[in-house]
């Protein structure tokens, strides 16, 4: 891995060789070479911003993006290591977690997350450019060409 990084292999090549998402390969091996760039830095055109929260504690806001469950179940973001960890932890706790995904900078305002609004926000990457089409929910003033399913994942009163 160290030799591959030193030779200039990117996280896609290393991830493919290890059967891992590029973000997972980065998390596992970035410490082997000082100054290594994140997958989002290597391929900014494939970067996405993910936001997650527990259904019983945090409301899924459309400003956070598209619900990951609205994308194809085979979408590469389903193998993002943080997505996998959050879903596993929620399952162990008997909770439900929502995860939203959007393209960076596609919404008005900044990407600041109000305190207590959600449990986690991080940057990840899609594997292929065509996967980004599902992540681009236009701002209301822009005509929509990609239908999205309206989700009803708001806090439950019994939580």
Protein backbone atom coordinates (compact mmCIF):
# COMPACT_ATOMS: atom_id res chain seq x y z
CA UNK A 1 0.00 0.00 0.00
CA UNK A 2 2.80 2.39 0.91
CA UNK A 3 4.55 1.69 -2.40
CA UNK A 4 1.31 2.20 -4.33
CA UNK A 5 0.68 5.53 -2.60
CA UNK A 6 4.29 6.61 -3.18
CA UNK A 7 3.93 5.65 -6.86
CA UNK A 8 0.95 7.98 -7.15
CA UNK A 9 -1.94 5.50 -7.22
CA UNK A 10 -5.20 7.15 -6.30
CA UNK A 11 -7.77 5.88 -3.81
CA UNK A 12 -9.94 4.49 -6.63
CA UNK A 13 -7.15 2.20 -7.85
CA UNK A 14 -6.21 1.17 -4.32
CA UNK A 15 -9.85 0.67 -3.33
CA UNK A 16 -10.51 -1.45 -6.40
CA UNK A 17 -7.46 -3.60 -5.67
CA UNK A 18 -8.76 -4.11 -2.11
CA UNK A 19 -12.47 -4.38 -3.04
CA UNK A 20 -13.15 -1.28 -0.93
CA UNK A 21 -14.84 2.08 -1.43
CA UNK A 22 -12.13 4.73 -2.05
CA UNK A 23 -13.10 6.47 1.21
CA UNK A 24 -12.67 3.17 3.11
CA UNK A 25 -9.23 2.65 1.55
CA UNK A 26 -8.29 6.20 2.54
CA UNK A 27 -9.44 5.70 6.13
CA UNK A 28 -7.51 2.44 6.41
CA UNK A 29 -4.25 3.47 4.73
CA UNK A 30 -3.84 7.26 4.57
CA UNK A 31 -1.56 7.12 7.59
CA UNK A 32 1.06 5.20 5.59
CA UNK A 33 2.24 8.23 3.65
CA UNK A 34 2.41 11.75 4.99
CA UNK A 35 0.56 14.40 3.01
CA UNK A 36 -1.75 12.02 1.19
CA UNK A 37 -4.85 13.67 -0.27
CA UNK A 38 -8.39 12.59 0.48
CA UNK A 39 -10.52 10.98 -2.23
CA UNK A 40 -12.56 14.22 -2.46
CA UNK A 41 -9.34 16.18 -3.02
CA UNK A 42 -8.17 13.71 -5.66
CA UNK A 43 -11.46 13.82 -7.56
CA UNK A 44 -13.46 16.87 -6.45
CA UNK A 45 -15.96 16.34 -9.28
CA UNK A 46 -17.10 13.16 -7.49
CA UNK A 47 -17.34 14.70 -4.00
CA UNK A 48 -20.63 14.67 -2.07
CA UNK A 49 -21.69 15.96 1.33
CA UNK A 50 -23.49 13.44 3.52
CA UNK A 51 -25.58 14.26 6.58
CA UNK A 52 -27.08 11.71 8.97
CA UNK A 53 -29.32 11.64 11.98
CA UNK A 54 -31.41 9.32 14.10
CA UNK A 55 -35.05 9.35 13.06
CA UNK A 56 -36.23 9.70 16.67
CA UNK A 57 -33.88 12.59 17.45
CA UNK A 58 -33.23 14.54 14.23
CA UNK A 59 -35.44 15.73 11.40
CA UNK A 60 -34.44 14.99 7.82
CA UNK A 61 -34.44 18.41 6.18
CA UNK A 62 -34.60 18.67 2.40
CA UNK A 63 -31.72 21.16 2.57
CA UNK A 64 -29.50 18.23 3.55
CA UNK A 65 -30.08 16.69 0.13
CA UNK A 66 -31.60 13.50 -1.22
CA UNK A 67 -32.34 10.61 1.11
CA UNK A 68 -29.74 7.94 0.31
CA UNK A 69 -32.56 5.39 0.37
CA UNK A 70 -34.09 7.20 -2.64
CA UNK A 71 -31.04 6.38 -4.75
CA UNK A 72 -30.37 3.04 -6.41
CA UNK A 73 -29.65 0.40 -3.71
CA UNK A 74 -26.44 -0.44 -5.61
CA UNK A 75 -25.23 3.20 -5.45
CA UNK A 76 -21.57 3.28 -4.41
CA UNK A 77 -22.32 5.58 -1.47
CA UNK A 78 -24.06 2.67 0.26
CA UNK A 79 -20.55 1.24 0.77
CA UNK A 80 -19.08 4.48 2.15
CA UNK A 81 -17.49 3.42 5.47
CA UNK A 82 -19.34 6.04 7.54
CA UNK A 83 -22.68 5.02 5.99
CA UNK A 84 -21.94 1.38 6.84
CA UNK A 85 -20.86 2.20 10.42
CA UNK A 86 -23.85 4.45 11.11
CA UNK A 87 -26.34 1.90 9.77
CA UNK A 88 -24.73 -0.92 11.74
CA UNK A 89 -24.71 1.12 14.96
CA UNK A 90 -28.34 2.17 14.52
CA UNK A 91 -29.36 -1.44 13.88
CA UNK A 92 -27.55 -2.62 17.02
CA UNK A 93 -29.38 0.06 19.02
CA UNK A 94 -32.71 -0.79 17.45
CA UNK A 95 -32.93 2.69 15.93
CA UNK A 96 -33.51 3.99 12.42
CA UNK A 97 -31.05 6.39 10.82
CA UNK A 98 -31.56 8.64 7.82
CA UNK A 99 -28.69 9.63 5.57
CA UNK A 100 -28.96 12.47 3.06
CA UNK A 101 -26.54 13.21 0.25
CA UNK A 102 -26.01 16.30 -1.89
CA UNK A 103 -23.47 17.81 -4.19
CA UNK A 104 -21.28 20.40 -2.45
CA UNK A 105 -22.31 23.99 -3.13
CA UNK A 106 -25.57 23.15 -4.89
CA UNK A 107 -27.75 24.86 -2.31
CA UNK A 108 -28.11 28.47 -1.32
CA UNK A 109 -26.34 29.34 1.91
CA UNK A 110 -23.39 27.65 3.49
CA UNK A 111 -22.97 24.04 4.47
CA UNK A 112 -23.07 24.87 8.19
CA UNK A 113 -24.99 22.37 10.27
CA UNK A 114 -27.11 23.93 13.03
CA UNK A 115 -26.22 22.54 16.45
CA UNK A 116 -28.32 19.50 17.27
CA UNK A 117 -29.85 19.37 13.78
CA UNK A 118 -28.25 16.07 12.84
CA UNK A 119 -25.83 13.56 14.26
CA UNK A 120 -23.06 13.69 11.65
CA UNK A 121 -21.90 15.40 8.45
CA UNK A 122 -18.97 14.30 6.29
CA UNK A 123 -17.57 14.45 2.78
CA UNK A 124 -17.34 11.33 0.67
CA UNK A 125 -17.15 10.43 -3.01
CA UNK A 126 -19.18 8.56 -5.57
CA UNK A 127 -17.33 6.01 -7.65
CA UNK A 128 -18.66 7.12 -11.02
CA UNK A 129 -19.78 10.47 -12.47
CA UNK A 130 -23.17 9.09 -13.58
CA UNK A 131 -24.04 8.35 -9.94
CA UNK A 132 -24.05 12.07 -9.17
CA UNK A 133 -27.20 12.71 -11.22
CA UNK A 134 -29.32 11.21 -8.46
CA UNK A 135 -27.63 13.38 -5.82
CA UNK A 136 -28.41 16.68 -7.52
CA UNK A 137 -31.71 17.99 -6.21
CA UNK A 138 -32.17 21.38 -7.81
CA UNK A 139 -32.97 24.40 -5.69
CA UNK A 140 -36.74 25.15 -5.93
CA UNK A 141 -36.24 27.87 -8.55
CA UNK A 142 -34.60 25.35 -10.88
CA UNK A 143 -36.85 22.96 -12.85
CA UNK A 144 -36.49 19.41 -11.64
CA UNK A 145 -35.73 16.65 -14.11
CA UNK A 146 -35.10 13.93 -11.54
CA UNK A 147 -38.18 12.85 -9.58
CA UNK A 148 -37.59 12.25 -5.90
CA UNK A 149 -39.69 10.37 -3.40
CA UNK A 150 -41.02 12.49 -0.55
CA UNK A 151 -39.97 10.92 2.71
CA UNK A 152 -41.76 11.24 5.99
CA UNK A 153 -38.91 10.76 8.38
CA UNK A 154 -39.52 13.25 11.09
CA UNK A 155 -39.10 12.82 14.80
CA UNK A 156 -41.49 10.42 16.34
CA UNK A 157 -43.30 11.81 19.41
CA UNK A 158 -42.62 8.67 21.43
CA UNK A 159 -38.81 9.03 21.23
